């Protein structure tokens, strides 16, 4: 059975890229940057920390 654990949206707003991440544990948060690499790295680091500290079900 599959369970949604997070939702990630990437949006381009002019010269910057915005990532919106939502999860049950972390709520909704946004990351902004001039390059996709910078924003993706922020998202990866945040989700990695969140899932490493979350209790296993």
C-alpha atoms as a PDB file:
ATOM      1  CA  UNK A   1       0.000   0.000   0.000  1.00  0.00           C
ATOM      2  CA  UNK A   2       1.333   3.423  -0.938  1.00  0.00           C
ATOM      3  CA  UNK A   3       1.185   6.406   1.372  1.00  0.00           C
ATOM      4  CA  UNK A   4       1.898  10.034   0.463  1.00  0.00           C
ATOM      5  CA  UNK A   5       4.704  11.274   2.720  1.00  0.00           C
ATOM      6  CA  UNK A   6       5.426  14.631   1.091  1.00  0.00           C
ATOM      7  CA  UNK A   7       4.534  16.848  -1.809  1.00  0.00           C
ATOM      8  CA  UNK A   8       7.104  18.965  -3.680  1.00  0.00           C
ATOM      9  CA  UNK A   9       6.281  21.654  -6.253  1.00  0.00           C
ATOM     10  CA  UNK A  10       8.834  23.575  -8.297  1.00  0.00           C
ATOM     11  CA  UNK A  11       7.776  26.953  -9.702  1.00  0.00           C
ATOM     12  CA  UNK A  12       9.621  29.571 -11.694  1.00  0.00           C
ATOM     13  CA  UNK A  13       8.941  33.153 -10.696  1.00  0.00           C
ATOM     14  CA  UNK A  14      10.886  35.522 -12.905  1.00  0.00           C
ATOM     15  CA  UNK A  15      14.579  35.040 -12.278  1.00  0.00           C
ATOM     16  CA  UNK A  16      14.193  32.757  -9.261  1.00  0.00           C
ATOM     17  CA  UNK A  17      13.075  29.189  -8.698  1.00  0.00           C
ATOM     18  CA  UNK A  18      10.685  28.409  -5.845  1.00  0.00           C
ATOM     19  CA  UNK A  19      10.155  25.005  -4.261  1.00  0.00           C
ATOM     20  CA  UNK A  20       7.130  24.390  -2.048  1.00  0.00           C
ATOM     21  CA  UNK A  21       7.389  21.355   0.170  1.00  0.00           C
ATOM     22  CA  UNK A  22       4.605  20.021   2.352  1.00  0.00           C
ATOM     23  CA  UNK A  23       4.682  17.069   4.698  1.00  0.00           C
ATOM     24  CA  UNK A  24       2.807  15.976   7.769  1.00  0.00           C
ATOM     25  CA  UNK A  25       5.837  16.372  10.034  1.00  0.00           C
ATOM     26  CA  UNK A  26       7.258  19.596   8.592  1.00  0.00           C
ATOM     27  CA  UNK A  27       4.160  21.428   7.397  1.00  0.00           C
ATOM     28  CA  UNK A  28       4.434  23.721   4.377  1.00  0.00           C
ATOM     29  CA  UNK A  29       7.664  25.569   3.629  1.00  0.00           C
ATOM     30  CA  UNK A  30       9.242  27.371   0.680  1.00  0.00           C
ATOM     31  CA  UNK A  31      12.773  27.552  -0.646  1.00  0.00           C
ATOM     32  CA  UNK A  32      13.975  30.169  -3.123  1.00  0.00           C
ATOM     33  CA  UNK A  33      17.114  30.485  -5.170  1.00  0.00           C
ATOM     34  CA  UNK A  34      18.592  31.776  -8.388  1.00  0.00           C
ATOM     35  CA  UNK A  35      19.539  28.308  -9.639  1.00  0.00           C
ATOM     36  CA  UNK A  36      17.757  24.979  -9.658  1.00  0.00           C
ATOM     37  CA  UNK A  37      20.816  23.318  -8.090  1.00  0.00           C
ATOM     38  CA  UNK A  38      20.673  25.610  -5.064  1.00  0.00           C
ATOM     39  CA  UNK A  39      16.956  25.074  -4.484  1.00  0.00           C
ATOM     40  CA  UNK A  40      17.073  21.317  -5.042  1.00  0.00           C
ATOM     41  CA  UNK A  41      19.989  21.003  -2.591  1.00  0.00           C
ATOM     42  CA  UNK A  42      17.955  22.883   0.050  1.00  0.00           C
ATOM     43  CA  UNK A  43      14.952  20.596  -0.487  1.00  0.00           C
ATOM     44  CA  UNK A  44      17.064  17.434  -0.378  1.00  0.00           C
ATOM     45  CA  UNK A  45      18.841  18.458   2.823  1.00  0.00           C
ATOM     46  CA  UNK A  46      15.611  19.422   4.565  1.00  0.00           C
ATOM     47  CA  UNK A  47      13.760  16.244   3.615  1.00  0.00           C
ATOM     48  CA  UNK A  48      16.744  14.057   4.471  1.00  0.00           C
ATOM     49  CA  UNK A  49      16.900  15.550   7.978  1.00  0.00           C
ATOM     50  CA  UNK A  50      13.137  15.222   8.393  1.00  0.00           C
ATOM     51  CA  UNK A  51      12.968  11.587   7.335  1.00  0.00           C
ATOM     52  CA  UNK A  52      16.090  10.530   9.246  1.00  0.00           C
ATOM     53  CA  UNK A  53      14.609  11.885  12.485  1.00  0.00           C
ATOM     54  CA  UNK A  54      11.089  10.561  11.897  1.00  0.00           C
ATOM     55  CA  UNK A  55      10.021   7.412  13.728  1.00  0.00           C
ATOM     56  CA  UNK A  56       9.513   4.394  11.502  1.00  0.00           C
ATOM     57  CA  UNK A  57       5.961   3.143  11.098  1.00  0.00           C
END
